Amino acid sequence: MNRAEFLNFFAELIEAEPDTLTGAESFRELSGWSSLVAIEFIAMADEQLDFVVSPTRLAESRTIDDLIAMLGDHISD
């Protein structure tokens, strides 16, 4: 998955329009963010990227870019 695909996937999760996220957004402040979305994000990382999200790292993340950084090499430019 590349960065643009991730941003559009995340937009879909929070029910935002595609191509509207930059990554700099504080995801917890977005109207569509919820604990259910957090679970869906964790499931996607596991199923599609074979990456286990650390609850601590998720709690420490502030922006969508932080989530991308956490996923590391699983997200290409």
Protein backbone atom coordinates (compact mmCIF):
# COMPACT_ATOMS: atom_id res chain seq x y z
CA MET A 1 0.00 0.00 0.00
CA ASN A 2 1.36 3.43 -0.81
CA ARG A 3 0.81 6.69 1.08
CA ALA A 4 -2.01 7.95 -1.18
CA GLU A 5 -3.83 4.62 -0.91
CA PHE A 6 -3.46 4.70 2.87
CA LEU A 7 -4.80 8.25 3.10
CA ASN A 8 -7.81 7.29 0.98
CA PHE A 9 -8.33 4.13 3.04
CA PHE A 10 -8.22 6.23 6.21
CA ALA A 11 -10.65 8.73 4.69
CA GLU A 12 -13.04 5.87 3.98
CA LEU A 13 -12.70 4.65 7.58
CA ILE A 14 -13.72 8.02 8.99
CA GLU A 15 -16.31 8.60 6.25
CA ALA A 16 -14.48 11.56 4.72
CA GLU A 17 -14.24 12.38 1.04
CA PRO A 18 -11.38 10.67 -0.84
CA ASP A 19 -8.29 12.77 -1.54
CA THR A 20 -9.08 15.22 1.28
CA LEU A 21 -6.52 14.11 3.89
CA THR A 22 -2.91 15.29 3.89
CA GLY A 23 -1.57 13.27 6.80
CA ALA A 24 -0.97 16.30 9.01
CA GLU A 25 -4.43 16.03 10.56
CA SER A 26 -4.82 15.09 14.21
CA PHE A 27 -6.91 11.99 13.61
CA ARG A 28 -8.58 12.06 17.02
CA GLU A 29 -10.03 15.48 16.20
CA LEU A 30 -11.62 14.29 12.95
CA SER A 31 -15.37 13.91 13.22
CA GLY A 32 -15.37 10.31 12.01
CA TRP A 33 -12.77 9.01 14.49
CA SER A 34 -14.07 6.59 17.12
CA SER A 35 -12.99 3.52 19.04
CA LEU A 36 -14.64 1.41 16.32
CA VAL A 37 -12.47 3.11 13.67
CA ALA A 38 -9.42 2.38 15.82
CA ILE A 39 -10.35 -1.32 15.81
CA GLU A 40 -10.90 -1.24 12.05
CA PHE A 41 -7.47 0.40 11.59
CA ILE A 42 -5.82 -2.29 13.73
CA ALA A 43 -7.60 -5.03 11.78
CA MET A 44 -6.56 -3.53 8.42
CA ALA A 45 -2.93 -3.30 9.52
CA ASP A 46 -2.99 -6.94 10.55
CA GLU A 47 -4.93 -8.34 7.58
CA GLN A 48 -3.63 -6.24 4.70
CA LEU A 49 -0.14 -5.27 5.86
CA ASP A 50 0.73 -8.19 8.18
CA PHE A 51 1.59 -5.62 10.86
CA VAL A 52 0.59 -5.86 14.51
CA VAL A 53 -0.30 -2.42 15.88
CA SER A 54 0.95 -1.78 19.37
CA PRO A 55 -1.82 -0.24 21.49
CA THR A 56 0.83 1.93 23.18
CA ARG A 57 2.12 3.24 19.83
CA LEU A 58 -1.44 3.91 18.69
CA ALA A 59 -2.15 5.81 21.90
CA GLU A 60 1.04 7.86 21.44
CA SER A 61 0.23 8.73 17.82
CA ARG A 62 -1.29 12.13 17.19
CA THR A 63 -1.50 12.60 13.44
CA ILE A 64 -2.22 10.43 10.45
CA ASP A 65 1.45 10.87 9.53
CA ASP A 66 2.30 9.33 12.92
CA LEU A 67 0.23 6.28 11.95
CA ILE A 68 2.02 6.08 8.61
CA ALA A 69 5.39 6.30 10.39
CA MET A 70 4.31 3.54 12.78
CA LEU A 71 3.52 1.29 9.81
CA GLY A 72 7.02 1.99 8.47
CA ASP A 73 8.09 -0.01 5.43
CA HIS A 74 4.56 -1.36 5.00
CA ILE A 75 3.59 2.01 3.45
CA SER A 76 5.55 3.10 0.41
CA ASP A 77 5.91 6.63 -0.88
